[in-house]
Amino acid sequence: MNERRYLPLLFVVMFLVMVGFGIIIPVLPFFAEHIGATPTELGWLMAVYSFMQFLFAPMWGNLSDRYGRKPMILIGISGLALSFFLFAMATKLWMLFAARIIGGFLSAATMPTAMAYVADVTTEENRGKGMGLIGAAVGLGFIFGPAIGGVFSAKSLTVPFWIAGCLALITAVFVFFFLHESLPKEKRSTGQAKRPSLAAALQGPLARLYMLQLVVTFSLAGLEATFAYFAAKRAGLTSKELGYIFMMMGLAGAIVQGGLLGKLIQSFGERTVIYGGLFLSALGFFLILFIHHFWTAALYLTIFGIGNGVIRPCVSSLLTKYTTGGQGSATGVLSSFDSLGRIGGPAIAGWLFTLKPSLPYVTGILLTFVSFALFQSFQRTMMQKGSV
């Protein structure tokens, strides 16, 4: 496969998907409140989506190994469109939960299949660069999506959901006509392949990579859940200023993942880049404790964001190189652990924040050291197996 031809198409697909997903972010809490959701119910509404992805991402990744990447990407994007339309038409709280459950179940097919697609069309030398390109598409989508959603929510709280649904449908049509299948029939797994087991994944040599991704995402989700409160308390920042800060962090992360990550991996390798990412993450967590105005908050959060952002593509790249099963199964399990981190991170960080505002970030520093130890353990294991 010609990666120069297919990776840009996949970049466009994932960018459009994440723009649509990002459009609903600023309006979702207000729409749920309008329907009658309490803050606690809103928390469950957010968590149930990640929980469904945690449960079903491995299944979709496995199915992509059996039936090809393109059908699963189409299912994921179409499911996202359906959930947006159901949200727009919802008049009762149970309808919101139904939309989130359906959306989480079906859209869980998108990310693991996209990563497996990258693994199909890239060489091992360019694998990390390809994974970084997907990360850049996700980052840029989260920059433009919320801005679009914020603008159109002024007209009606349902308009962003209709726009997001239509954008997802357009993306599905784009995939159907322009994105070619990356997994030839002769390379697909047999129909007897079993659904990947999370318990089995934790018993194999790649368990450290899965746990590393879990810890890294857990830390990121915890920061995202508490930073607005922390920044308002320490530096008096407004929601508008925080929006600019997160936009700057996302843009810097997208530039690094989309433009610099491939060169860094080619020069130093995934392992060195992961160590560098962990160092920047720990440094960012530490510096955040000392924010006192807009620019320090922007700088320190960006340092953290760049460090955290380069880890996922490198972990994905290493995983697809060393897995002995299908690429889709491996990336599906990885997405499942990613979702688990997004379920637990906000809840634990929120609780720690109530004890002491700095605790989520001190914990983040400690978890970065845990991540460092996990990755060192992975390297030792692979050296013993003669795979490094």
Protein backbone atom coordinates (compact mmCIF):
# COMPACT_ATOMS: atom_id res chain seq x y z
CA MET A 1 0.00 0.00 0.00
CA ASN A 2 1.14 3.56 -0.71
CA GLU A 3 1.16 5.30 2.66
CA ARG A 4 1.63 8.72 1.07
CA ARG A 5 -1.66 8.19 -0.73
CA TYR A 6 -3.76 6.62 2.03
CA LEU A 7 -2.54 8.32 5.21
CA PRO A 8 -3.67 11.82 4.12
CA LEU A 9 -7.14 10.39 3.37
CA LEU A 10 -7.28 8.77 6.81
CA PHE A 11 -6.10 12.05 8.35
CA VAL A 12 -9.05 13.85 6.72
CA VAL A 13 -11.47 11.18 7.93
CA MET A 14 -10.29 11.31 11.54
CA PHE A 15 -10.16 15.12 11.51
CA LEU A 16 -13.79 15.31 10.35
CA VAL A 17 -14.84 12.68 12.91
CA MET A 18 -13.23 14.58 15.77
CA VAL A 19 -14.59 17.95 14.61
CA GLY A 20 -18.06 16.43 14.77
CA PHE A 21 -17.33 14.94 18.17
CA GLY A 22 -15.87 18.23 19.43
CA ILE A 23 -18.87 20.28 18.26
CA ILE A 24 -21.08 18.84 21.01
CA ILE A 25 -18.58 19.31 23.86
CA PRO A 26 -19.46 22.89 24.90
CA VAL A 27 -23.21 22.36 24.58
CA LEU A 28 -23.67 18.86 26.02
CA PRO A 29 -23.84 19.88 29.71
CA PHE A 30 -26.33 22.67 29.00
CA PHE A 31 -28.50 20.49 26.78
CA ALA A 32 -28.57 17.71 29.38
CA GLU A 33 -29.46 20.26 32.06
CA HIS A 34 -32.24 21.58 29.81
CA ILE A 35 -33.66 18.04 29.56
CA GLY A 36 -33.55 17.75 33.34
CA ALA A 37 -30.24 16.05 34.19
CA THR A 38 -28.64 16.75 37.55
CA PRO A 39 -24.83 17.19 37.82
CA THR A 40 -24.57 13.60 39.01
CA GLU A 41 -26.62 12.33 36.09
CA LEU A 42 -24.48 14.39 33.73
CA GLY A 43 -21.42 12.63 35.14
CA TRP A 44 -23.03 9.25 34.45
CA LEU A 45 -23.99 10.45 30.97
CA MET A 46 -20.34 11.21 30.24
CA ALA A 47 -19.06 8.01 31.84
CA VAL A 48 -21.44 5.60 30.10
CA TYR A 49 -20.00 6.53 26.69
CA SER A 50 -16.45 5.67 27.76
CA PHE A 51 -17.70 2.52 29.49
CA MET A 52 -19.29 1.25 26.28
CA GLN A 53 -16.05 1.93 24.41
CA PHE A 54 -14.14 0.10 27.12
CA LEU A 55 -16.36 -2.94 26.65
CA PHE A 56 -16.59 -3.06 22.86
CA ALA A 57 -13.41 -1.57 21.33
CA PRO A 58 -11.62 -4.97 21.44
CA MET A 59 -14.59 -6.62 19.70
CA TRP A 60 -14.57 -4.10 16.85
CA GLY A 61 -10.80 -4.34 16.49
CA ASN A 62 -11.10 -8.12 16.22
CA LEU A 63 -13.88 -7.83 13.64
CA SER A 64 -11.70 -5.50 11.56
CA ASP A 65 -9.07 -8.26 11.46
CA ARG A 66 -11.71 -10.65 10.11
CA TYR A 67 -13.74 -8.47 7.73
CA GLY A 68 -11.47 -5.54 6.89
CA ARG A 69 -10.89 -2.02 8.17
CA LYS A 70 -13.22 -0.04 5.91
CA PRO A 71 -16.51 -1.69 7.01
CA MET A 72 -15.68 -1.13 10.69
CA ILE A 73 -14.73 2.52 10.12
CA LEU A 74 -18.04 2.99 8.32
CA ILE A 75 -19.93 1.39 11.21
CA GLY A 76 -18.15 3.59 13.74
CA ILE A 77 -18.80 6.85 11.91
CA SER A 78 -22.39 5.96 11.05
CA GLY A 79 -23.01 5.05 14.69
CA LEU A 80 -21.64 8.41 15.75
CA ALA A 81 -24.01 10.16 13.32
CA LEU A 82 -26.96 8.15 14.66
CA SER A 83 -26.14 9.08 18.26
CA PHE A 84 -25.94 12.79 17.38
CA PHE A 85 -29.33 12.71 15.66
CA LEU A 86 -30.87 10.82 18.59
CA PHE A 87 -29.48 13.45 20.93
CA ALA A 88 -30.94 16.27 18.86
CA MET A 89 -34.39 14.63 18.99
CA ALA A 90 -34.26 13.71 22.69
CA THR A 91 -36.95 15.10 24.96
CA LYS A 92 -36.37 12.92 28.04
CA LEU A 93 -33.33 11.94 30.05
CA TRP A 94 -33.54 8.23 29.17
CA MET A 95 -33.30 9.20 25.51
CA LEU A 96 -30.00 10.96 26.18
CA PHE A 97 -28.65 7.85 27.87
CA ALA A 98 -29.86 5.68 24.99
CA ALA A 99 -28.09 7.96 22.51
CA ARG A 100 -24.83 7.84 24.50
CA ILE A 101 -24.99 4.05 24.90
CA ILE A 102 -25.63 3.50 21.18
CA GLY A 103 -22.95 6.03 20.25
CA GLY A 104 -20.38 4.50 22.60
CA PHE A 105 -21.09 0.99 21.36
CA LEU A 106 -20.87 1.75 17.63
CA SER A 107 -18.26 4.53 17.59
CA ALA A 108 -15.89 2.27 19.54
CA ALA A 109 -15.10 0.77 16.12
CA THR A 110 -13.47 3.96 14.80
CA MET A 111 -10.24 4.56 16.71
CA PRO A 112 -8.83 1.00 16.98
CA THR A 113 -9.63 0.35 13.34
CA ALA A 114 -7.98 3.62 12.27
CA MET A 115 -4.81 2.68 14.17
CA ALA A 116 -4.87 -0.79 12.60
CA TYR A 117 -5.28 0.89 9.19
CA VAL A 118 -2.12 2.89 9.86
CA ALA A 119 -0.28 -0.30 10.80
CA ASP A 120 -1.44 -1.90 7.54
CA VAL A 121 -0.19 0.86 5.24
CA THR A 122 3.08 1.88 6.94
CA THR A 123 6.47 0.30 7.29
CA GLU A 124 7.81 -0.28 10.79
CA GLU A 125 10.15 2.68 10.33
CA ASN A 126 7.26 5.04 9.57
CA ARG A 127 4.73 3.47 11.95
CA GLY A 128 5.19 6.06 14.69
CA LYS A 129 4.88 8.91 12.21
CA GLY A 130 1.60 7.49 10.94
CA MET A 131 0.23 7.08 14.45
CA GLY A 132 1.29 10.65 15.19
CA LEU A 133 -0.64 11.86 12.16
CA ILE A 134 -3.82 10.32 13.60
CA GLY A 135 -3.09 12.01 16.92
CA ALA A 136 -2.67 15.33 15.11
CA ALA A 137 -6.03 14.88 13.36
CA VAL A 138 -7.69 14.19 16.71
CA GLY A 139 -6.03 17.24 18.27
CA LEU A 140 -7.01 19.60 15.46
CA GLY A 141 -10.56 18.27 15.49
CA PHE A 142 -10.85 19.08 19.17
CA ILE A 143 -9.63 22.62 18.47
CA PHE A 144 -12.10 23.48 15.72
CA GLY A 145 -15.06 21.38 16.88
CA PRO A 146 -15.79 23.12 20.20
CA ALA A 147 -15.41 26.54 18.56
CA ILE A 148 -18.02 25.63 15.93
CA GLY A 149 -20.32 24.16 18.56
CA GLY A 150 -20.05 27.25 20.73
CA VAL A 151 -21.00 29.55 17.86
CA PHE A 152 -24.05 27.58 16.70
CA SER A 153 -25.30 26.84 20.23
CA ALA A 154 -26.27 30.52 20.42
CA LYS A 155 -29.04 29.78 17.88
CA SER A 156 -30.35 26.63 19.57
CA LEU A 157 -28.99 23.92 21.85
CA THR A 158 -29.97 21.27 19.31
CA VAL A 159 -28.32 22.87 16.27
CA PRO A 160 -24.77 21.63 17.12
CA PHE A 161 -26.05 18.05 17.32
CA TRP A 162 -27.71 18.29 13.89
CA ILE A 163 -24.52 19.78 12.45
CA ALA A 164 -22.36 17.08 14.05
CA GLY A 165 -24.67 14.34 12.75
CA CYS A 166 -24.64 15.72 9.20
CA LEU A 167 -20.86 16.08 9.30
CA ALA A 168 -20.52 12.46 10.41
CA LEU A 169 -22.78 11.33 7.55
CA ILE A 170 -20.72 13.31 5.04
CA THR A 171 -17.59 11.70 6.46
CA ALA A 172 -19.13 8.24 6.08
CA VAL A 173 -19.89 8.99 2.41
CA PHE A 174 -16.29 10.19 1.97
CA VAL A 175 -15.01 6.92 3.48
CA PHE A 176 -17.31 4.82 1.27
CA PHE A 177 -16.14 6.39 -1.98
CA PHE A 178 -12.51 7.40 -1.35
CA LEU A 179 -10.93 5.37 1.46
CA HIS A 180 -9.61 2.08 0.12
CA GLU A 181 -9.48 -1.13 2.13
CA SER A 182 -6.04 -1.65 3.71
CA LEU A 183 -6.29 -5.32 4.73
CA PRO A 184 -6.30 -7.78 1.80
CA LYS A 185 -8.54 -10.84 2.17
CA GLU A 186 -5.58 -13.21 2.27
CA LYS A 187 -4.22 -11.42 5.37
CA ARG A 188 -7.46 -11.47 7.35
CA SER A 189 -7.94 -13.71 10.36
CA THR A 190 -10.22 -16.74 10.24
CA GLY A 191 -13.84 -16.69 11.34
CA GLN A 192 -12.93 -18.77 14.38
CA ALA A 193 -10.92 -15.94 15.99
CA LYS A 194 -12.08 -15.19 19.51
CA ARG A 195 -12.92 -11.85 21.01
CA PRO A 196 -9.76 -10.39 22.64
CA SER A 197 -9.71 -10.89 26.39
CA LEU A 198 -8.59 -8.01 28.61
CA ALA A 199 -7.52 -10.51 31.25
CA ALA A 200 -5.42 -12.38 28.68
CA ALA A 201 -3.86 -9.11 27.53
CA LEU A 202 -2.67 -8.43 31.06
CA GLN A 203 -0.92 -11.81 31.17
CA GLY A 204 1.16 -11.37 28.02
CA PRO A 205 4.46 -9.52 27.47
CA LEU A 206 2.63 -6.49 26.06
CA ALA A 207 0.72 -6.00 29.32
CA ARG A 208 3.12 -3.22 30.34
CA LEU A 209 2.23 -1.21 27.25
CA TYR A 210 -1.49 -1.55 27.93
CA MET A 211 -0.99 -0.53 31.55
CA LEU A 212 1.23 2.35 30.49
CA GLN A 213 -1.54 3.68 28.25
CA LEU A 214 -4.07 3.26 31.07
CA VAL A 215 -1.95 5.27 33.52
CA VAL A 216 -1.12 8.00 30.99
CA THR A 217 -4.77 8.46 29.99
CA PHE A 218 -5.90 8.31 33.63
CA SER A 219 -3.55 11.23 34.41
CA LEU A 220 -4.66 13.25 31.39
CA ALA A 221 -8.37 12.73 32.08
CA GLY A 222 -7.87 13.75 35.70
CA LEU A 223 -6.14 16.96 34.66
CA GLU A 224 -8.87 17.78 32.12
CA ALA A 225 -11.53 17.31 34.79
CA THR A 226 -9.93 19.58 37.41
CA PHE A 227 -7.73 22.12 35.66
CA ALA A 228 -10.50 24.67 35.11
CA TYR A 229 -11.28 24.73 38.84
CA PHE A 230 -7.59 24.80 39.78
CA ALA A 231 -6.75 27.62 37.35
CA ALA A 232 -9.74 29.69 38.48
CA LYS A 233 -8.74 29.23 42.12
CA ARG A 234 -5.01 29.92 41.69
CA ALA A 235 -4.97 32.47 38.87
CA GLY A 236 -8.56 33.73 38.59
CA LEU A 237 -8.87 32.58 34.98
CA THR A 238 -12.25 32.80 33.23
CA SER A 239 -13.87 30.13 31.08
CA LYS A 240 -13.00 32.15 27.97
CA GLU A 241 -9.34 32.30 28.94
CA LEU A 242 -9.33 28.58 29.69
CA GLY A 243 -10.79 27.92 26.24
CA TYR A 244 -7.85 29.76 24.67
CA ILE A 245 -5.39 27.85 26.84
CA PHE A 246 -6.75 24.45 25.84
CA MET A 247 -6.78 25.58 22.20
CA MET A 248 -3.09 26.54 22.43
CA MET A 249 -2.25 23.20 24.05
CA GLY A 250 -4.14 21.30 21.36
CA LEU A 251 -2.53 23.23 18.54
CA ALA A 252 0.99 22.71 19.92
CA GLY A 253 0.30 19.01 20.40
CA ALA A 254 -1.05 18.67 16.85
CA ILE A 255 2.01 20.39 15.39
CA VAL A 256 4.38 18.11 17.29
CA GLN A 257 2.46 14.91 16.50
CA GLY A 258 1.80 15.75 12.86
CA GLY A 259 5.08 17.41 11.94
CA LEU A 260 7.89 16.58 14.36
CA LEU A 261 7.08 13.19 15.85
CA GLY A 262 8.07 11.19 12.77
CA LYS A 263 11.48 12.88 12.61
CA LEU A 264 12.01 12.39 16.35
CA ILE A 265 11.21 8.67 16.09
CA GLN A 266 13.47 8.23 13.07
CA SER A 267 16.31 9.96 14.90
CA PHE A 268 15.91 8.52 18.40
CA GLY A 269 13.36 5.67 18.24
CA GLU A 270 10.01 5.23 19.99
CA ARG A 271 11.56 4.29 23.32
CA THR A 272 13.55 7.48 23.69
CA VAL A 273 10.57 9.58 22.61
CA ILE A 274 8.36 7.87 25.23
CA TYR A 275 10.93 8.64 27.94
CA GLY A 276 11.03 12.24 26.76
CA GLY A 277 7.23 12.42 26.78
CA LEU A 278 7.08 11.07 30.32
CA PHE A 279 9.68 13.62 31.46
CA LEU A 280 7.71 16.51 29.94
CA SER A 281 4.47 15.19 31.46
CA ALA A 282 6.01 15.09 34.93
CA LEU A 283 7.55 18.54 34.42
CA GLY A 284 4.22 19.93 33.25
CA PHE A 285 2.38 18.52 36.28
CA PHE A 286 5.02 20.05 38.56
CA LEU A 287 4.95 23.47 36.91
CA ILE A 288 1.14 23.62 36.94
CA LEU A 289 1.35 23.79 40.73
CA PHE A 290 2.94 27.25 40.32
CA ILE A 291 0.64 28.93 37.78
CA HIS A 292 -0.25 32.52 38.68
CA HIS A 293 -1.58 34.12 35.46
CA PHE A 294 -2.77 33.36 31.93
CA TRP A 295 0.63 32.93 30.28
CA THR A 296 2.12 30.65 32.91
CA ALA A 297 -1.00 28.49 32.76
CA ALA A 298 -0.80 28.35 28.96
CA LEU A 299 2.91 27.52 28.93
CA TYR A 300 2.84 24.88 31.65
CA LEU A 301 -0.26 23.15 30.30
CA THR A 302 1.26 23.10 26.82
CA ILE A 303 4.44 21.48 28.16
CA PHE A 304 2.30 18.78 29.74
CA GLY A 305 0.15 18.41 26.61
CA ILE A 306 3.12 17.91 24.30
CA GLY A 307 4.67 15.33 26.60
CA ASN A 308 1.45 13.41 27.07
CA GLY A 309 0.56 13.67 23.39
CA VAL A 310 3.65 11.95 21.97
CA ILE A 311 3.28 8.89 24.20
CA ARG A 312 0.12 7.38 22.66
CA PRO A 313 1.38 7.25 19.04
CA CYS A 314 4.67 5.66 20.16
CA VAL A 315 2.88 3.08 22.34
CA SER A 316 0.55 2.26 19.43
CA SER A 317 3.52 1.90 17.10
CA LEU A 318 5.41 -0.45 19.44
CA LEU A 319 2.28 -2.48 20.09
CA THR A 320 1.61 -3.13 16.39
CA LYS A 321 5.25 -4.10 15.87
CA TYR A 322 5.37 -6.68 18.67
CA THR A 323 1.85 -8.12 18.71
CA THR A 324 1.58 -11.74 17.62
CA GLY A 325 -2.16 -11.43 16.88
CA GLY A 326 -4.07 -9.18 14.52
CA GLN A 327 -3.36 -5.44 14.45
CA GLY A 328 -7.02 -4.64 15.00
CA SER A 329 -7.28 -6.88 18.05
CA ALA A 330 -4.21 -5.27 19.64
CA THR A 331 -5.31 -1.69 18.97
CA GLY A 332 -8.82 -2.54 20.13
CA VAL A 333 -7.52 -3.70 23.50
CA LEU A 334 -5.36 -0.56 23.68
CA SER A 335 -8.42 1.62 23.06
CA SER A 336 -10.25 -0.29 25.77
CA PHE A 337 -7.57 0.55 28.34
CA ASP A 338 -7.62 4.13 27.09
CA SER A 339 -11.36 4.29 27.78
CA LEU A 340 -10.88 2.77 31.22
CA GLY A 341 -8.49 5.61 32.06
CA ARG A 342 -11.10 8.14 30.96
CA ILE A 343 -13.68 6.52 33.22
CA GLY A 344 -11.58 6.46 36.37
CA GLY A 345 -9.39 9.54 35.90
CA PRO A 346 -12.02 12.29 36.32
CA ALA A 347 -13.73 10.58 39.27
CA ILE A 348 -10.52 10.04 41.27
CA ALA A 349 -9.05 13.44 40.39
CA GLY A 350 -12.28 15.18 41.36
CA TRP A 351 -12.25 13.44 44.74
CA LEU A 352 -8.58 14.35 45.29
CA PHE A 353 -9.31 17.96 44.37
CA THR A 354 -11.94 18.18 47.12
CA LEU A 355 -9.30 17.02 49.62
CA LYS A 356 -6.67 19.48 48.40
CA PRO A 357 -6.56 21.32 45.04
CA SER A 358 -2.95 20.38 44.33
CA LEU A 359 -3.42 16.64 44.96
CA PRO A 360 -4.47 15.65 41.39
CA TYR A 361 -1.21 17.12 40.05
CA VAL A 362 1.02 15.67 42.74
CA THR A 363 -0.64 12.33 42.02
CA GLY A 364 0.01 12.92 38.32
CA ILE A 365 3.73 13.28 39.02
CA LEU A 366 3.73 10.03 40.99
CA LEU A 367 1.81 8.23 38.24
CA THR A 368 4.37 9.42 35.71
CA PHE A 369 7.04 7.60 37.71
CA VAL A 370 4.79 4.52 37.67
CA SER A 371 4.59 4.86 33.87
CA PHE A 372 8.37 5.12 33.68
CA ALA A 373 8.73 1.90 35.70
CA LEU A 374 6.16 0.11 33.51
CA PHE A 375 8.00 1.03 30.35
CA GLN A 376 11.35 -0.02 31.75
CA SER A 377 9.79 -3.35 32.69
CA PHE A 378 8.47 -3.72 29.13
CA GLN A 379 11.93 -3.11 27.71
CA ARG A 380 13.55 -5.67 30.02
CA THR A 381 10.90 -8.26 29.11
CA MET A 382 11.37 -7.77 25.38
CA MET A 383 15.17 -7.91 25.72
CA GLN A 384 14.87 -11.22 27.55
CA LYS A 385 12.69 -12.52 24.71
CA GLY A 386 15.25 -11.30 22.17
CA SER A 387 12.77 -8.94 20.52
CA VAL A 388 14.73 -5.72 21.09
